[in-house]
Structures are given as structure tokens and as C-alpha cells.
Amino acid sequence: MSSNIIGPIEDSELIINERGRIYHLDLAPEDLATTVITVGSPDRVKEVSKFFDRITHKAQHREFITHTGYIGTKHISVISTGIGSGNIDIVFNEMDALVNIDFKTRTIKDKKTVLSVIRLGTCGALQKDIPVDSRIISSYGIGLDNLLHYYKHTNNPDESFILNEFQRHSNIGIKGITPYITEASISLRKHFGPEYVHGITATCPGFYAPQGRTLRVQPALPNLLDALATFQCKDTRIVNFEMETAAIYGMGKLLGHKCLSISAALANRANKTFSKNPDMAVDNMIKHAMEVVSQELQHSNINIKFSFRQSTF
């Protein structure tokens, strides 16, 4: 990502409190490890940090809780983000600022730190053949929210082709929704094999009508689930939806970071089923991800940021 900013960033744009910590996360640059797991629910932070051998720093501000510590010699942080693309905008900008902006001079560093971001989340499966409790890898994120449209961004040819095919298939643009798309990091994706379902993830800006649910108010897109579930392009299909993946992929690409989203499918919307033991499904996903971090990825010179969110499927 290129920036036109020359000289110090103003106080109103980069907010650093009197203790030298960035505004929302309440972290100083030394408080953040280069390997970070982010979780949606603040209560989930301890469910990840229980795998640490030791915790060296704790912070809490609003819904953002951070534990930093070690697994062996691997320096790791876990941060809660809350739900939705708006929170992803905050967390990604502030994590990037912690590693790529000099807080003393308020200037952008010449040498950038590239983070690798892996989100661990929950989702709703959209295909009948994906049972609840499955673990899903998002090869692409299609955003039905508006976040990325507030930033200058471009697509590579594969992204553009899939996005054009999706818009033609879904006709979602007739309701004033302009989707965007970003691909996952291939270098991160290779660590998670055939025990995962791989496919496209749709990211929605809400939990009810934006995901085809009807309570007291009728949705404006009554055929949304069918439009998503029947889309297929380049031998891949939309397999699930949730509320953060496309925003994570988009912000990561803009800021020059590597991203991957992993989800536990707690619901299957096509079959109208829900996990009998959602806590176990989530715990199994966390355990496997931590095994990958402590074994495979720590030997590959990749800085990891994990992201786990609440049940927003």
C-alpha cells in the first residue's frame, strides 16, 4: 500500500493516549507480538491464551482484550475484535500502525512489517453436503458490506472475473449493493489441507435480513440464500457466510499483510440444522490452529495473526 502522507500524522488521525498506546486497542508497539490470534468474543481470549506457556502482558479497553505471551520461544498475542466489518477496520488499522508507524515521530516507517492474519471464526454453511461442525477455509471473501469501498482498491484478473460472474448471477446490484472480492493468502492456505472444506465465503453486514433471516421485518432480498448457494465459478462455490472475512482480506491486501479465514460451521442454513455441541466445535478448531502455529508455521518464518469472531452466521 502506498501513502501520500509526508511528515507527521496529525493527532486527530493517529490517536495515541497519554500512556503512549493506540486509542482502541490500548497497546504500545512493544505490547504486540508478531504472531497474533484475534477472537471475536472477549471471553474467548482466555480460551486461546490457555495454550500459552506463559503470559507476559494483559490489556483491556472496551471489547478489545489482549493477552501476549509465549508458546515455547514463539511470541504470541491474542486480541478480541468484536463482531462485524466496522471493528475489522479499527483492529487492522491499529495493528498495522503498531508495527509500521513510528509513534515518537508519528511518521510511516520506511521498512514495513508484513503480518500474516488468520481469522478463526464461526459461520453458517450454505451447501447441503457440508455438515455442521465442519471447518471451512475461505479461498476468497466476497463482501456484501461497504467497508472496502471507502478505500482505493483494485482487483487482480481472477478476482475481477469471479466478482463479475457473481454480480451477473446474483443480480444483487439492483438493490444498491456493490460487492467486492479479495483472495486469501495462498502461502497460509497451504498449511490447512483436505480435512477442511475450501471455498468462497460471503461476508454480510448483519445477522438477520443480511443473512436471509426473517423475524418481524421482511427482508428486501428474499432469495439471497439461493443466490449465494447456487453460485459457482472456476470450480469453486460459495460454501458459507459470516460477517468479517471479506473485510479482513480486503484490509489485509490494502495494508500489505497476508490473511486467511478459518470457520467452524455451527449452522447449516440449507438443512436448517445447528451444532449439537458448538463449544466443542469451536474448541476443536482453536486446538488444531494452535497446533499448526506451534509446530508447522513457527518454522516457516511467517508472522501469524489469527482472528476468531463470535457466532455471526
C-alpha atoms as a PDB file:
ATOM      1  CA  MET A   1       0.000   0.000   0.000  1.00  0.00           C
ATOM      2  CA  SER A   2       1.359   3.393  -0.942  1.00  0.00           C
ATOM      3  CA  SER A   3       0.679   6.528   1.095  1.00  0.00           C
ATOM      4  CA  ASN A   4       0.721  10.184   0.142  1.00  0.00           C
ATOM      5  CA  ILE A   5       1.395  11.248   3.727  1.00  0.00           C
ATOM      6  CA  ILE A   6       4.619  13.219   4.135  1.00  0.00           C
ATOM      7  CA  GLY A   7       5.656  14.277   7.615  1.00  0.00           C
ATOM      8  CA  PRO A   8       3.998  13.606  10.971  1.00  0.00           C
ATOM      9  CA  ILE A   9       0.450  12.237  11.108  1.00  0.00           C
ATOM     10  CA  GLU A  10      -1.879  14.613  12.943  1.00  0.00           C
ATOM     11  CA  ASP A  11      -3.147  13.906  16.455  1.00  0.00           C
ATOM     12  CA  SER A  12      -6.736  13.595  15.251  1.00  0.00           C
ATOM     13  CA  GLU A  13      -5.827  10.904  12.676  1.00  0.00           C
ATOM     14  CA  LEU A  14      -3.481   8.713  14.729  1.00  0.00           C
ATOM     15  CA  ILE A  15      -4.803   8.837  18.282  1.00  0.00           C
ATOM     16  CA  ILE A  16      -2.180   7.887  20.881  1.00  0.00           C
ATOM     17  CA  ASN A  17      -3.153   8.241  24.530  1.00  0.00           C
ATOM     18  CA  GLU A  18      -1.088   9.786  27.318  1.00  0.00           C
ATOM     19  CA  ARG A  19       0.445   6.376  28.070  1.00  0.00           C
ATOM     20  CA  GLY A  20       1.794   6.010  24.540  1.00  0.00           C
ATOM     21  CA  ARG A  21      -0.826   3.432  23.483  1.00  0.00           C
ATOM     22  CA  ILE A  22      -3.032   3.406  20.403  1.00  0.00           C
ATOM     23  CA  TYR A  23      -6.612   4.509  21.037  1.00  0.00           C
ATOM     24  CA  HIS A  24      -8.916   1.463  20.752  1.00  0.00           C
ATOM     25  CA  LEU A  25      -6.588  -1.487  21.334  1.00  0.00           C
ATOM     26  CA  ASP A  26      -4.789   0.340  24.184  1.00  0.00           C
ATOM     27  CA  LEU A  27      -1.482  -1.205  23.107  1.00  0.00           C
ATOM     28  CA  ALA A  28       2.014   0.202  22.714  1.00  0.00           C
ATOM     29  CA  PRO A  29       4.149  -1.196  19.883  1.00  0.00           C
ATOM     30  CA  GLU A  30       6.113  -3.405  22.300  1.00  0.00           C
ATOM     31  CA  ASP A  31       2.874  -4.984  23.588  1.00  0.00           C
ATOM     32  CA  LEU A  32       2.047  -6.691  20.290  1.00  0.00           C
ATOM     33  CA  ALA A  33       3.743  -9.904  19.200  1.00  0.00           C
ATOM     34  CA  THR A  34       4.328 -10.596  15.521  1.00  0.00           C
ATOM     35  CA  THR A  35       2.104 -13.650  15.860  1.00  0.00           C
ATOM     36  CA  VAL A  36      -1.388 -12.608  16.937  1.00  0.00           C
ATOM     37  CA  ILE A  37      -4.624 -14.524  17.332  1.00  0.00           C
ATOM     38  CA  THR A  38      -7.712 -12.300  17.291  1.00  0.00           C
ATOM     39  CA  VAL A  39     -11.032 -13.572  18.631  1.00  0.00           C
ATOM     40  CA  GLY A  40     -14.472 -12.016  18.406  1.00  0.00           C
ATOM     41  CA  SER A  41     -15.713 -12.542  21.930  1.00  0.00           C
ATOM     42  CA  PRO A  42     -13.668 -11.076  24.801  1.00  0.00           C
ATOM     43  CA  ASP A  43     -14.458 -14.245  26.757  1.00  0.00           C
ATOM     44  CA  ARG A  44     -12.656 -16.299  24.095  1.00  0.00           C
ATOM     45  CA  VAL A  45      -9.281 -14.643  24.664  1.00  0.00           C
ATOM     46  CA  LYS A  46      -8.538 -16.856  27.658  1.00  0.00           C
ATOM     47  CA  GLU A  47      -9.618 -19.926  25.654  1.00  0.00           C
ATOM     48  CA  VAL A  48      -6.715 -19.241  23.288  1.00  0.00           C
ATOM     49  CA  SER A  49      -4.148 -17.960  25.788  1.00  0.00           C
ATOM     50  CA  LYS A  50      -4.598 -21.133  27.874  1.00  0.00           C
ATOM     51  CA  PHE A  51      -2.359 -22.719  25.229  1.00  0.00           C
ATOM     52  CA  PHE A  52       0.430 -20.225  26.022  1.00  0.00           C
ATOM     53  CA  ASP A  53       3.287 -21.430  28.206  1.00  0.00           C
ATOM     54  CA  ARG A  54       3.308 -18.030  29.884  1.00  0.00           C
ATOM     55  CA  ILE A  55       1.507 -14.683  29.591  1.00  0.00           C
ATOM     56  CA  THR A  56       3.655 -11.551  29.788  1.00  0.00           C
ATOM     57  CA  HIS A  57       1.138  -8.756  29.115  1.00  0.00           C
ATOM     58  CA  LYS A  58      -2.612  -8.178  29.518  1.00  0.00           C
ATOM     59  CA  ALA A  59      -4.676  -5.187  28.355  1.00  0.00           C
ATOM     60  CA  GLN A  60      -8.383  -4.365  28.159  1.00  0.00           C
ATOM     61  CA  HIS A  61     -10.282  -1.443  26.591  1.00  0.00           C
ATOM     62  CA  ARG A  62     -13.944  -1.741  25.616  1.00  0.00           C
ATOM     63  CA  GLU A  63     -14.400  -5.053  23.754  1.00  0.00           C
ATOM     64  CA  PHE A  64     -10.699  -5.240  22.923  1.00  0.00           C
ATOM     65  CA  ILE A  65      -8.834  -7.603  25.267  1.00  0.00           C
ATOM     66  CA  THR A  66      -5.234  -8.600  24.589  1.00  0.00           C
ATOM     67  CA  HIS A  67      -3.074 -11.336  26.100  1.00  0.00           C
ATOM     68  CA  THR A  68       0.547 -11.538  24.949  1.00  0.00           C
ATOM     69  CA  GLY A  69       2.914 -14.343  25.841  1.00  0.00           C
ATOM     70  CA  TYR A  70       4.906 -17.314  24.585  1.00  0.00           C
ATOM     71  CA  ILE A  71       4.455 -20.838  23.293  1.00  0.00           C
ATOM     72  CA  GLY A  72       7.976 -22.128  23.743  1.00  0.00           C
ATOM     73  CA  THR A  73      10.059 -19.407  22.114  1.00  0.00           C
ATOM     74  CA  LYS A  74       7.189 -18.287  19.885  1.00  0.00           C
ATOM     75  CA  HIS A  75       5.959 -14.788  20.851  1.00  0.00           C
ATOM     76  CA  ILE A  76       2.167 -14.620  20.504  1.00  0.00           C
ATOM     77  CA  SER A  77      -0.712 -12.213  21.159  1.00  0.00           C
ATOM     78  CA  VAL A  78      -4.453 -12.895  21.211  1.00  0.00           C
ATOM     79  CA  ILE A  79      -6.860  -9.964  20.707  1.00  0.00           C
ATOM     80  CA  SER A  80     -10.658  -9.829  20.769  1.00  0.00           C
ATOM     81  CA  THR A  81     -12.200  -7.810  17.928  1.00  0.00           C
ATOM     82  CA  GLY A  82     -15.952  -7.923  18.416  1.00  0.00           C
ATOM     83  CA  ILE A  83     -18.353  -8.566  15.527  1.00  0.00           C
ATOM     84  CA  GLY A  84     -18.524  -7.014  12.079  1.00  0.00           C
ATOM     85  CA  SER A  85     -16.514  -5.265   9.398  1.00  0.00           C
ATOM     86  CA  GLY A  86     -16.520  -1.940  11.261  1.00  0.00           C
ATOM     87  CA  ASN A  87     -14.480  -3.488  14.049  1.00  0.00           C
ATOM     88  CA  ILE A  88     -12.140  -5.077  11.499  1.00  0.00           C
ATOM     89  CA  ASP A  89     -11.467  -1.598  10.107  1.00  0.00           C
ATOM     90  CA  ILE A  90     -10.404  -0.451  13.596  1.00  0.00           C
ATOM     91  CA  VAL A  91      -8.344  -3.508  14.503  1.00  0.00           C
ATOM     92  CA  PHE A  92      -6.463  -3.775  11.210  1.00  0.00           C
ATOM     93  CA  ASN A  93      -5.577  -0.096  11.015  1.00  0.00           C
ATOM     94  CA  GLU A  94      -4.388  -0.058  14.621  1.00  0.00           C
ATOM     95  CA  MET A  95      -2.428  -3.331  14.392  1.00  0.00           C
ATOM     96  CA  ASP A  96      -0.733  -2.008  11.272  1.00  0.00           C
ATOM     97  CA  ALA A  97       0.033   1.295  12.974  1.00  0.00           C
ATOM     98  CA  LEU A  98       1.672  -0.538  15.866  1.00  0.00           C
ATOM     99  CA  VAL A  99       4.198  -2.176  13.539  1.00  0.00           C
ATOM    100  CA  ASN A 100       4.519   0.289  10.646  1.00  0.00           C
ATOM    101  CA  ILE A 101       4.274   3.772  12.182  1.00  0.00           C
ATOM    102  CA  ASP A 102       6.904   5.308  14.462  1.00  0.00           C
ATOM    103  CA  PHE A 103       4.918   6.533  17.474  1.00  0.00           C
ATOM    104  CA  LYS A 104       7.633   9.003  18.529  1.00  0.00           C
ATOM    105  CA  THR A 105       7.859  10.835  15.209  1.00  0.00           C
ATOM    106  CA  ARG A 106       4.312   9.919  14.064  1.00  0.00           C
ATOM    107  CA  THR A 107       5.752   9.037  10.638  1.00  0.00           C
ATOM    108  CA  ILE A 108       5.385   5.929   8.477  1.00  0.00           C
ATOM    109  CA  LYS A 109       8.407   3.645   8.654  1.00  0.00           C
ATOM    110  CA  ASP A 110      10.464   3.103   5.519  1.00  0.00           C
ATOM    111  CA  LYS A 111      10.755  -0.633   6.191  1.00  0.00           C
ATOM    112  CA  LYS A 112       7.360  -2.301   6.538  1.00  0.00           C
ATOM    113  CA  THR A 113       6.479  -5.297   8.688  1.00  0.00           C
ATOM    114  CA  VAL A 114       4.261  -7.792   6.845  1.00  0.00           C
ATOM    115  CA  LEU A 115       1.813  -9.559   9.125  1.00  0.00           C
ATOM    116  CA  SER A 116       0.039 -12.804   8.389  1.00  0.00           C
ATOM    117  CA  VAL A 117      -3.530 -12.793   9.647  1.00  0.00           C
ATOM    118  CA  ILE A 118      -5.536 -15.942  10.280  1.00  0.00           C
ATOM    119  CA  ARG A 119      -9.093 -15.456  11.451  1.00  0.00           C
ATOM    120  CA  LEU A 120     -10.712 -18.258  13.419  1.00  0.00           C
ATOM    121  CA  GLY A 121     -14.458 -17.861  13.374  1.00  0.00           C
ATOM    122  CA  THR A 122     -17.893 -19.412  13.184  1.00  0.00           C
ATOM    123  CA  CYS A 123     -20.212 -19.392  10.224  1.00  0.00           C
ATOM    124  CA  GLY A 124     -23.300 -20.793   8.567  1.00  0.00           C
ATOM    125  CA  ALA A 125     -22.761 -23.369   5.833  1.00  0.00           C
ATOM    126  CA  LEU A 126     -24.770 -22.800   2.641  1.00  0.00           C
ATOM    127  CA  GLN A 127     -24.403 -26.190   0.946  1.00  0.00           C
ATOM    128  CA  LYS A 128     -26.383 -29.298   1.914  1.00  0.00           C
ATOM    129  CA  ASP A 129     -23.286 -31.512   1.733  1.00  0.00           C
ATOM    130  CA  ILE A 130     -21.363 -29.536   4.391  1.00  0.00           C
ATOM    131  CA  PRO A 131     -22.315 -30.928   7.821  1.00  0.00           C
ATOM    132  CA  VAL A 132     -22.366 -28.800  10.946  1.00  0.00           C
ATOM    133  CA  ASP A 133     -19.069 -28.779  12.888  1.00  0.00           C
ATOM    134  CA  SER A 134     -17.083 -28.798   9.609  1.00  0.00           C
ATOM    135  CA  ARG A 135     -14.059 -26.498   9.401  1.00  0.00           C
ATOM    136  CA  ILE A 136     -14.023 -24.190   6.383  1.00  0.00           C
ATOM    137  CA  ILE A 137     -11.157 -22.358   4.669  1.00  0.00           C
ATOM    138  CA  SER A 138     -12.162 -19.209   2.769  1.00  0.00           C
ATOM    139  CA  SER A 139     -10.322 -19.156  -0.565  1.00  0.00           C
ATOM    140  CA  TYR A 140     -11.964 -15.806  -1.424  1.00  0.00           C
ATOM    141  CA  GLY A 141     -14.096 -13.363   0.502  1.00  0.00           C
ATOM    142  CA  ILE A 142     -16.997 -11.648  -1.279  1.00  0.00           C
ATOM    143  CA  GLY A 143     -18.060  -8.597   0.708  1.00  0.00           C
ATOM    144  CA  LEU A 144     -21.719  -7.557   0.799  1.00  0.00           C
ATOM    145  CA  ASP A 145     -20.832  -4.848   3.316  1.00  0.00           C
ATOM    146  CA  ASN A 146     -19.468  -1.466   2.218  1.00  0.00           C
ATOM    147  CA  LEU A 147     -16.149  -1.240   4.068  1.00  0.00           C
ATOM    148  CA  LEU A 148     -13.689  -1.639   1.219  1.00  0.00           C
ATOM    149  CA  HIS A 149     -15.484   0.956  -0.915  1.00  0.00           C
ATOM    150  CA  TYR A 150     -14.216   3.638   1.472  1.00  0.00           C
ATOM    151  CA  TYR A 151     -10.646   2.787   0.374  1.00  0.00           C
ATOM    152  CA  LYS A 152      -8.974   2.900  -3.017  1.00  0.00           C
ATOM    153  CA  HIS A 153      -8.591  -0.690  -4.123  1.00  0.00           C
ATOM    154  CA  THR A 154      -8.139  -2.778  -7.260  1.00  0.00           C
ATOM    155  CA  ASN A 155      -8.626  -6.439  -8.141  1.00  0.00           C
ATOM    156  CA  ASN A 156      -6.358  -8.900  -9.891  1.00  0.00           C
ATOM    157  CA  PRO A 157      -7.773 -10.623 -13.023  1.00  0.00           C
ATOM    158  CA  ASP A 158      -9.012 -13.723 -11.147  1.00  0.00           C
ATOM    159  CA  GLU A 159     -10.775 -11.616  -8.531  1.00  0.00           C
ATOM    160  CA  SER A 160     -12.373  -9.430 -11.196  1.00  0.00           C
ATOM    161  CA  PHE A 161     -13.604 -12.430 -13.177  1.00  0.00           C
ATOM    162  CA  ILE A 162     -15.222 -14.104 -10.154  1.00  0.00           C
ATOM    163  CA  LEU A 163     -16.755 -10.840  -8.973  1.00  0.00           C
ATOM    164  CA  ASN A 164     -18.251 -10.093 -12.397  1.00  0.00           C
ATOM    165  CA  GLU A 165     -19.692 -13.606 -12.604  1.00  0.00           C
ATOM    166  CA  PHE A 166     -21.157 -13.272  -9.107  1.00  0.00           C
ATOM    167  CA  GLN A 167     -22.797  -9.932  -9.881  1.00  0.00           C
ATOM    168  CA  ARG A 168     -24.297 -11.331 -13.071  1.00  0.00           C
ATOM    169  CA  HIS A 169     -25.545 -14.460 -11.279  1.00  0.00           C
ATOM    170  CA  SER A 170     -26.996 -12.792  -8.188  1.00  0.00           C
ATOM    171  CA  ASN A 171     -28.379  -9.514  -9.598  1.00  0.00           C
ATOM    172  CA  ILE A 172     -27.673  -8.163  -6.141  1.00  0.00           C
ATOM    173  CA  GLY A 173     -26.708  -4.798  -7.601  1.00  0.00           C
ATOM    174  CA  ILE A 174     -30.356  -3.989  -8.313  1.00  0.00           C
ATOM    175  CA  LYS A 175     -30.793  -3.348  -4.581  1.00  0.00           C
ATOM    176  CA  GLY A 176     -27.893  -0.896  -4.480  1.00  0.00           C
ATOM    177  CA  ILE A 177     -25.397  -3.384  -3.032  1.00  0.00           C
ATOM    178  CA  THR A 178     -21.963  -3.315  -4.658  1.00  0.00           C
ATOM    179  CA  PRO A 179     -19.984  -6.440  -3.721  1.00  0.00           C
ATOM    180  CA  TYR A 180     -16.193  -6.581  -3.544  1.00  0.00           C
ATOM    181  CA  ILE A 181     -13.815  -9.528  -3.508  1.00  0.00           C
ATOM    182  CA  THR A 182     -10.328 -10.390  -2.243  1.00  0.00           C
ATOM    183  CA  GLU A 183      -8.366 -13.645  -2.320  1.00  0.00           C
ATOM    184  CA  ALA A 184      -6.848 -15.415   0.681  1.00  0.00           C
ATOM    185  CA  SER A 185      -3.112 -15.837   1.149  1.00  0.00           C
ATOM    186  CA  ILE A 186      -2.024 -18.945  -0.737  1.00  0.00           C
ATOM    187  CA  SER A 187       1.100 -19.285   1.424  1.00  0.00           C
ATOM    188  CA  LEU A 188      -1.059 -19.531   4.552  1.00  0.00           C
ATOM    189  CA  ARG A 189      -3.757 -21.662   2.977  1.00  0.00           C
ATOM    190  CA  LYS A 190      -1.313 -24.444   2.127  1.00  0.00           C
ATOM    191  CA  HIS A 191      -0.902 -25.305   5.820  1.00  0.00           C
ATOM    192  CA  PHE A 192      -4.551 -26.376   6.057  1.00  0.00           C
ATOM    193  CA  GLY A 193      -5.325 -29.394   3.914  1.00  0.00           C
ATOM    194  CA  PRO A 194      -8.157 -31.699   2.839  1.00  0.00           C
ATOM    195  CA  GLU A 195      -9.583 -32.033   6.362  1.00  0.00           C
ATOM    196  CA  TYR A 196     -11.007 -28.546   5.690  1.00  0.00           C
ATOM    197  CA  VAL A 197     -13.738 -27.547   3.245  1.00  0.00           C
ATOM    198  CA  HIS A 198     -12.342 -24.968   0.812  1.00  0.00           C
ATOM    199  CA  GLY A 199     -14.495 -22.408  -0.976  1.00  0.00           C
ATOM    200  CA  ILE A 200     -15.730 -18.821  -1.271  1.00  0.00           C
ATOM    201  CA  THR A 201     -17.118 -17.022   1.779  1.00  0.00           C
ATOM    202  CA  ALA A 202     -19.742 -14.285   1.600  1.00  0.00           C
ATOM    203  CA  THR A 203     -19.421 -11.563   4.237  1.00  0.00           C
ATOM    204  CA  CYS A 204     -22.674  -9.911   5.323  1.00  0.00           C
ATOM    205  CA  PRO A 205     -23.155  -6.583   7.165  1.00  0.00           C
ATOM    206  CA  GLY A 206     -25.608  -8.070   9.673  1.00  0.00           C
ATOM    207  CA  PHE A 207     -27.036 -11.263  11.177  1.00  0.00           C
ATOM    208  CA  TYR A 208     -30.736 -11.153  10.325  1.00  0.00           C
ATOM    209  CA  ALA A 209     -32.041  -9.820   6.975  1.00  0.00           C
ATOM    210  CA  PRO A 210     -28.467  -9.540   5.570  1.00  0.00           C
ATOM    211  CA  GLN A 211     -28.244 -13.312   6.116  1.00  0.00           C
ATOM    212  CA  GLY A 212     -31.752 -14.100   4.912  1.00  0.00           C
ATOM    213  CA  ARG A 213     -33.450 -14.354   8.328  1.00  0.00           C
ATOM    214  CA  THR A 214     -36.988 -13.132   8.916  1.00  0.00           C
ATOM    215  CA  LEU A 215     -38.363 -12.277  12.360  1.00  0.00           C
ATOM    216  CA  ARG A 216     -40.779  -9.297  12.339  1.00  0.00           C
ATOM    217  CA  VAL A 217     -39.473  -7.385   9.307  1.00  0.00           C
ATOM    218  CA  GLN A 218     -39.460  -8.790   5.793  1.00  0.00           C
ATOM    219  CA  PRO A 219     -36.059  -8.832   4.024  1.00  0.00           C
ATOM    220  CA  ALA A 220     -35.595  -6.901   0.788  1.00  0.00           C
ATOM    221  CA  LEU A 221     -33.663  -9.838  -0.713  1.00  0.00           C
ATOM    222  CA  PRO A 222     -35.872 -12.885  -0.060  1.00  0.00           C
ATOM    223  CA  ASN A 223     -33.865 -15.042  -2.488  1.00  0.00           C
ATOM    224  CA  LEU A 224     -30.449 -14.156  -1.059  1.00  0.00           C
ATOM    225  CA  LEU A 225     -29.630 -17.634   0.285  1.00  0.00           C
ATOM    226  CA  ASP A 226     -30.456 -19.275  -3.027  1.00  0.00           C
ATOM    227  CA  ALA A 227     -28.427 -16.706  -4.980  1.00  0.00           C
ATOM    228  CA  LEU A 228     -25.392 -17.388  -2.805  1.00  0.00           C
ATOM    229  CA  ALA A 229     -25.738 -21.167  -2.606  1.00  0.00           C
ATOM    230  CA  THR A 230     -26.187 -21.670  -6.372  1.00  0.00           C
ATOM    231  CA  PHE A 231     -23.168 -19.595  -7.424  1.00  0.00           C
ATOM    232  CA  GLN A 232     -20.174 -21.492  -8.810  1.00  0.00           C
ATOM    233  CA  CYS A 233     -17.154 -20.207 -10.714  1.00  0.00           C
ATOM    234  CA  LYS A 234     -13.779 -21.703 -11.651  1.00  0.00           C
ATOM    235  CA  ASP A 235     -14.587 -24.981  -9.892  1.00  0.00           C
ATOM    236  CA  THR A 236     -15.302 -23.228  -6.611  1.00  0.00           C
ATOM    237  CA  ARG A 237     -18.554 -22.228  -4.942  1.00  0.00           C
ATOM    238  CA  ILE A 238     -19.819 -20.109  -2.075  1.00  0.00           C
ATOM    239  CA  VAL A 239     -19.758 -22.513   0.861  1.00  0.00           C
ATOM    240  CA  ASN A 240     -20.568 -20.270   3.834  1.00  0.00           C
ATOM    241  CA  PHE A 241     -21.276 -16.781   5.094  1.00  0.00           C
ATOM    242  CA  GLU A 242     -20.404 -14.710   8.150  1.00  0.00           C
ATOM    243  CA  MET A 243     -19.532 -11.073   8.979  1.00  0.00           C
ATOM    244  CA  GLU A 244     -15.767 -10.404   8.770  1.00  0.00           C
ATOM    245  CA  THR A 245     -13.800 -12.451   6.213  1.00  0.00           C
ATOM    246  CA  ALA A 246     -14.001 -10.200   3.143  1.00  0.00           C
ATOM    247  CA  ALA A 247     -13.192  -7.151   5.279  1.00  0.00           C
ATOM    248  CA  ILE A 248     -10.149  -8.930   6.713  1.00  0.00           C
ATOM    249  CA  TYR A 249      -8.941  -9.973   3.274  1.00  0.00           C
ATOM    250  CA  GLY A 250      -9.552  -6.522   1.823  1.00  0.00           C
ATOM    251  CA  MET A 251      -7.867  -4.573   4.618  1.00  0.00           C
ATOM    252  CA  GLY A 252      -5.011  -7.048   4.690  1.00  0.00           C
ATOM    253  CA  LYS A 253      -4.396  -6.632   0.972  1.00  0.00           C
ATOM    254  CA  LEU A 254      -4.503  -2.828   1.191  1.00  0.00           C
ATOM    255  CA  LEU A 255      -2.050  -2.784   4.105  1.00  0.00           C
ATOM    256  CA  GLY A 256       0.250  -5.405   2.581  1.00  0.00           C
ATOM    257  CA  HIS A 257      -0.482  -8.246   5.006  1.00  0.00           C
ATOM    258  CA  LYS A 258      -1.279 -11.934   4.398  1.00  0.00           C
ATOM    259  CA  CYS A 259      -4.686 -13.194   5.500  1.00  0.00           C
ATOM    260  CA  LEU A 260      -6.580 -16.434   5.911  1.00  0.00           C
ATOM    261  CA  SER A 261     -10.014 -17.100   7.404  1.00  0.00           C
ATOM    262  CA  ILE A 262     -10.992 -20.376   9.069  1.00  0.00           C
ATOM    263  CA  SER A 263     -14.549 -21.011  10.274  1.00  0.00           C
ATOM    264  CA  ALA A 264     -16.345 -23.686  12.257  1.00  0.00           C
ATOM    265  CA  ALA A 265     -19.747 -24.263  10.645  1.00  0.00           C
ATOM    266  CA  LEU A 266     -22.143 -24.169  13.583  1.00  0.00           C
ATOM    267  CA  ALA A 267     -25.250 -23.982  11.391  1.00  0.00           C
ATOM    268  CA  ASN A 268     -26.270 -25.357   8.019  1.00  0.00           C
ATOM    269  CA  ARG A 269     -28.814 -22.952   6.565  1.00  0.00           C
ATOM    270  CA  ALA A 270     -29.728 -25.262   3.669  1.00  0.00           C
ATOM    271  CA  ASN A 271     -30.553 -28.148   6.018  1.00  0.00           C
ATOM    272  CA  LYS A 272     -31.798 -25.856   8.821  1.00  0.00           C
ATOM    273  CA  THR A 273     -29.591 -27.649  11.356  1.00  0.00           C
ATOM    274  CA  PHE A 274     -27.441 -26.407  14.221  1.00  0.00           C
ATOM    275  CA  SER A 275     -24.473 -27.981  16.007  1.00  0.00           C
ATOM    276  CA  LYS A 276     -25.337 -30.186  18.984  1.00  0.00           C
ATOM    277  CA  ASN A 277     -22.156 -29.061  20.700  1.00  0.00           C
ATOM    278  CA  PRO A 278     -20.991 -25.674  19.333  1.00  0.00           C
ATOM    279  CA  ASP A 279     -18.478 -25.113  22.137  1.00  0.00           C
ATOM    280  CA  MET A 280     -16.710 -28.367  21.272  1.00  0.00           C
ATOM    281  CA  ALA A 281     -16.668 -27.468  17.561  1.00  0.00           C
ATOM    282  CA  VAL A 282     -15.046 -24.128  18.331  1.00  0.00           C
ATOM    283  CA  ASP A 283     -12.606 -25.595  20.852  1.00  0.00           C
ATOM    284  CA  ASN A 284     -11.501 -28.261  18.353  1.00  0.00           C
ATOM    285  CA  MET A 285     -10.864 -25.555  15.742  1.00  0.00           C
ATOM    286  CA  ILE A 286      -8.812 -23.481  18.186  1.00  0.00           C
ATOM    287  CA  LYS A 287      -6.819 -26.524  19.316  1.00  0.00           C
ATOM    288  CA  HIS A 288      -5.939 -27.522  15.757  1.00  0.00           C
ATOM    289  CA  ALA A 289      -4.980 -23.965  14.815  1.00  0.00           C
ATOM    290  CA  MET A 290      -2.717 -23.670  17.840  1.00  0.00           C
ATOM    291  CA  GLU A 291      -1.054 -26.944  16.871  1.00  0.00           C
ATOM    292  CA  VAL A 292      -0.343 -25.509  13.427  1.00  0.00           C
ATOM    293  CA  VAL A 293       1.051 -22.312  14.975  1.00  0.00           C
ATOM    294  CA  SER A 294       3.291 -24.101  17.458  1.00  0.00           C
ATOM    295  CA  GLN A 295       4.536 -26.734  15.011  1.00  0.00           C
ATOM    296  CA  GLU A 296       4.362 -26.014  11.279  1.00  0.00           C
ATOM    297  CA  LEU A 297       4.064 -22.240  10.992  1.00  0.00           C
ATOM    298  CA  GLN A 298       6.626 -21.278  13.603  1.00  0.00           C
ATOM    299  CA  HIS A 299       9.274 -22.947  11.446  1.00  0.00           C
ATOM    300  CA  SER A 300       8.312 -21.108   8.243  1.00  0.00           C
ATOM    301  CA  ASN A 301       9.360 -17.520   9.072  1.00  0.00           C
ATOM    302  CA  ILE A 302       5.717 -16.431   8.754  1.00  0.00           C
ATOM    303  CA  ASN A 303       4.272 -13.924  11.210  1.00  0.00           C
ATOM    304  CA  ILE A 304       0.741 -15.035  12.008  1.00  0.00           C
ATOM    305  CA  LYS A 305      -2.286 -13.026  13.105  1.00  0.00           C
ATOM    306  CA  PHE A 306      -5.243 -15.232  13.955  1.00  0.00           C
ATOM    307  CA  SER A 307      -8.758 -13.836  14.041  1.00  0.00           C
ATOM    308  CA  PHE A 308     -11.639 -15.579  15.802  1.00  0.00           C
ATOM    309  CA  ARG A 309     -15.054 -13.986  15.884  1.00  0.00           C
ATOM    310  CA  GLN A 310     -18.355 -14.650  17.570  1.00  0.00           C
ATOM    311  CA  SER A 311     -21.192 -16.705  16.074  1.00  0.00           C
ATOM    312  CA  THR A 312     -22.248 -14.352  13.302  1.00  0.00           C
ATOM    313  CA  PHE A 313     -23.531 -16.821  10.742  1.00  0.00           C
END
